Amino acid sequence: MMNSGKVFLGILAGLAAGAMLGLLFAPEKGADTIKKITDMGDDFTDDLDQKFDHFLDVIAKKIDHLKEDVSTIAKRE
């Protein structure tokens, strides 16, 4: 599971870098290009925040399940 997360983040970073390079070489005004890059960076940051929050939720749920399992085992003994 860890490798798939690294692969996904690598692909996401590659896509972001490719999109930025595409914008830099686009025949538009500099101010328009800078605005697009800024917007893309904001979108990327928001997406990364959502993924990190989801990751923390998954970890918290796994910890809760682990606590329940340990509690159940402790009651048996």
C-alpha atoms as a PDB file:
ATOM      1  CA  MET A   1       0.000   0.000   0.000  1.00  0.00           C
ATOM      2  CA  MET A   2       2.874   2.368   0.693  1.00  0.00           C
ATOM      3  CA  ASN A   3       4.327   1.862  -2.801  1.00  0.00           C
ATOM      4  CA  SER A   4       1.034   2.659  -4.512  1.00  0.00           C
ATOM      5  CA  GLY A   5       0.815   5.901  -2.522  1.00  0.00           C
ATOM      6  CA  LYS A   6       4.319   6.880  -3.584  1.00  0.00           C
ATOM      7  CA  VAL A   7       3.546   6.036  -7.202  1.00  0.00           C
ATOM      8  CA  PHE A   8       0.346   8.097  -7.076  1.00  0.00           C
ATOM      9  CA  LEU A   9       2.135  11.098  -5.570  1.00  0.00           C
ATOM     10  CA  GLY A  10       4.896  10.754  -8.177  1.00  0.00           C
ATOM     11  CA  ILE A  11       2.359  10.723 -11.001  1.00  0.00           C
ATOM     12  CA  LEU A  12       0.527  13.684  -9.487  1.00  0.00           C
ATOM     13  CA  ALA A  13       3.757  15.664  -9.141  1.00  0.00           C
ATOM     14  CA  GLY A  14       4.728  14.803 -12.720  1.00  0.00           C
ATOM     15  CA  LEU A  15       1.375  15.954 -14.026  1.00  0.00           C
ATOM     16  CA  ALA A  16       1.642  19.213 -12.111  1.00  0.00           C
ATOM     17  CA  ALA A  17       5.177  19.844 -13.371  1.00  0.00           C
ATOM     18  CA  GLY A  18       4.158  19.053 -16.947  1.00  0.00           C
ATOM     19  CA  ALA A  19       1.167  21.354 -16.760  1.00  0.00           C
ATOM     20  CA  MET A  20       3.318  24.187 -15.402  1.00  0.00           C
ATOM     21  CA  LEU A  21       5.912  23.728 -18.148  1.00  0.00           C
ATOM     22  CA  GLY A  22       3.135  23.725 -20.722  1.00  0.00           C
ATOM     23  CA  LEU A  23       1.846  26.995 -19.371  1.00  0.00           C
ATOM     24  CA  LEU A  24       5.294  28.546 -19.293  1.00  0.00           C
ATOM     25  CA  PHE A  25       5.796  27.842 -22.992  1.00  0.00           C
ATOM     26  CA  ALA A  26       2.265  28.845 -23.984  1.00  0.00           C
ATOM     27  CA  PRO A  27       1.966  31.936 -26.187  1.00  0.00           C
ATOM     28  CA  GLU A  28       0.057  34.073 -23.681  1.00  0.00           C
ATOM     29  CA  LYS A  29       0.776  37.219 -21.718  1.00  0.00           C
ATOM     30  CA  GLY A  30       3.019  36.742 -18.709  1.00  0.00           C
ATOM     31  CA  ALA A  31       0.366  37.963 -16.271  1.00  0.00           C
ATOM     32  CA  ASP A  32      -2.148  35.433 -17.619  1.00  0.00           C
ATOM     33  CA  THR A  33       0.392  32.637 -17.367  1.00  0.00           C
ATOM     34  CA  ILE A  34       1.347  33.598 -13.817  1.00  0.00           C
ATOM     35  CA  LYS A  35      -2.351  33.657 -12.854  1.00  0.00           C
ATOM     36  CA  LYS A  36      -2.850  30.175 -14.318  1.00  0.00           C
ATOM     37  CA  ILE A  37       0.208  28.806 -12.512  1.00  0.00           C
ATOM     38  CA  THR A  38      -0.976  30.342  -9.249  1.00  0.00           C
ATOM     39  CA  ASP A  39      -4.447  28.865  -9.689  1.00  0.00           C
ATOM     40  CA  MET A  40      -2.970  25.452 -10.479  1.00  0.00           C
ATOM     41  CA  GLY A  41      -0.764  25.649  -7.398  1.00  0.00           C
ATOM     42  CA  ASP A  42      -3.777  26.510  -5.256  1.00  0.00           C
ATOM     43  CA  ASP A  43      -5.742  23.595  -6.735  1.00  0.00           C
ATOM     44  CA  PHE A  44      -2.804  21.253  -6.157  1.00  0.00           C
ATOM     45  CA  THR A  45      -2.465  22.411  -2.547  1.00  0.00           C
ATOM     46  CA  ASP A  46      -6.185  21.969  -1.903  1.00  0.00           C
ATOM     47  CA  ASP A  47      -6.106  18.477  -3.418  1.00  0.00           C
ATOM     48  CA  LEU A  48      -3.073  17.548  -1.341  1.00  0.00           C
ATOM     49  CA  ASP A  49      -4.775  18.857   1.825  1.00  0.00           C
ATOM     50  CA  GLN A  50      -7.846  16.725   1.113  1.00  0.00           C
ATOM     51  CA  LYS A  51      -5.724  13.625   0.518  1.00  0.00           C
ATOM     52  CA  PHE A  52      -3.763  14.232   3.726  1.00  0.00           C
ATOM     53  CA  ASP A  53      -6.987  14.696   5.722  1.00  0.00           C
ATOM     54  CA  HIS A  54      -8.316  11.447   4.251  1.00  0.00           C
ATOM     55  CA  PHE A  55      -5.049   9.716   5.169  1.00  0.00           C
ATOM     56  CA  LEU A  56      -5.338  10.959   8.758  1.00  0.00           C
ATOM     57  CA  ASP A  57      -8.963   9.754   8.942  1.00  0.00           C
ATOM     58  CA  VAL A  58      -7.953   6.298   7.733  1.00  0.00           C
ATOM     59  CA  ILE A  59      -5.127   6.109  10.271  1.00  0.00           C
ATOM     60  CA  ALA A  60      -7.423   7.280  13.095  1.00  0.00           C
ATOM     61  CA  LYS A  61     -10.002   4.603  12.196  1.00  0.00           C
ATOM     62  CA  LYS A  62      -7.316   1.914  12.123  1.00  0.00           C
ATOM     63  CA  ILE A  63      -6.064   3.024  15.539  1.00  0.00           C
ATOM     64  CA  ASP A  64      -9.624   2.893  16.913  1.00  0.00           C
ATOM     65  CA  HIS A  65     -10.089  -0.635  15.547  1.00  0.00           C
ATOM     66  CA  LEU A  66      -6.770  -1.668  17.030  1.00  0.00           C
ATOM     67  CA  LYS A  67      -7.791  -0.274  20.434  1.00  0.00           C
ATOM     68  CA  GLU A  68     -11.068  -2.207  20.242  1.00  0.00           C
ATOM     69  CA  ASP A  69      -9.227  -5.414  19.338  1.00  0.00           C
ATOM     70  CA  VAL A  70      -6.759  -4.974  22.202  1.00  0.00           C
ATOM     71  CA  SER A  71      -9.623  -4.252  24.591  1.00  0.00           C
ATOM     72  CA  THR A  72     -11.475  -7.369  23.451  1.00  0.00           C
ATOM     73  CA  ILE A  73      -8.361  -9.515  23.887  1.00  0.00           C
ATOM     74  CA  ALA A  74      -7.684  -8.013  27.341  1.00  0.00           C
ATOM     75  CA  LYS A  75     -11.246  -8.818  28.490  1.00  0.00           C
ATOM     76  CA  ARG A  76     -10.808 -12.476  27.464  1.00  0.00           C
ATOM     77  CA  GLU A  77      -7.790 -12.904  29.696  1.00  0.00           C
END
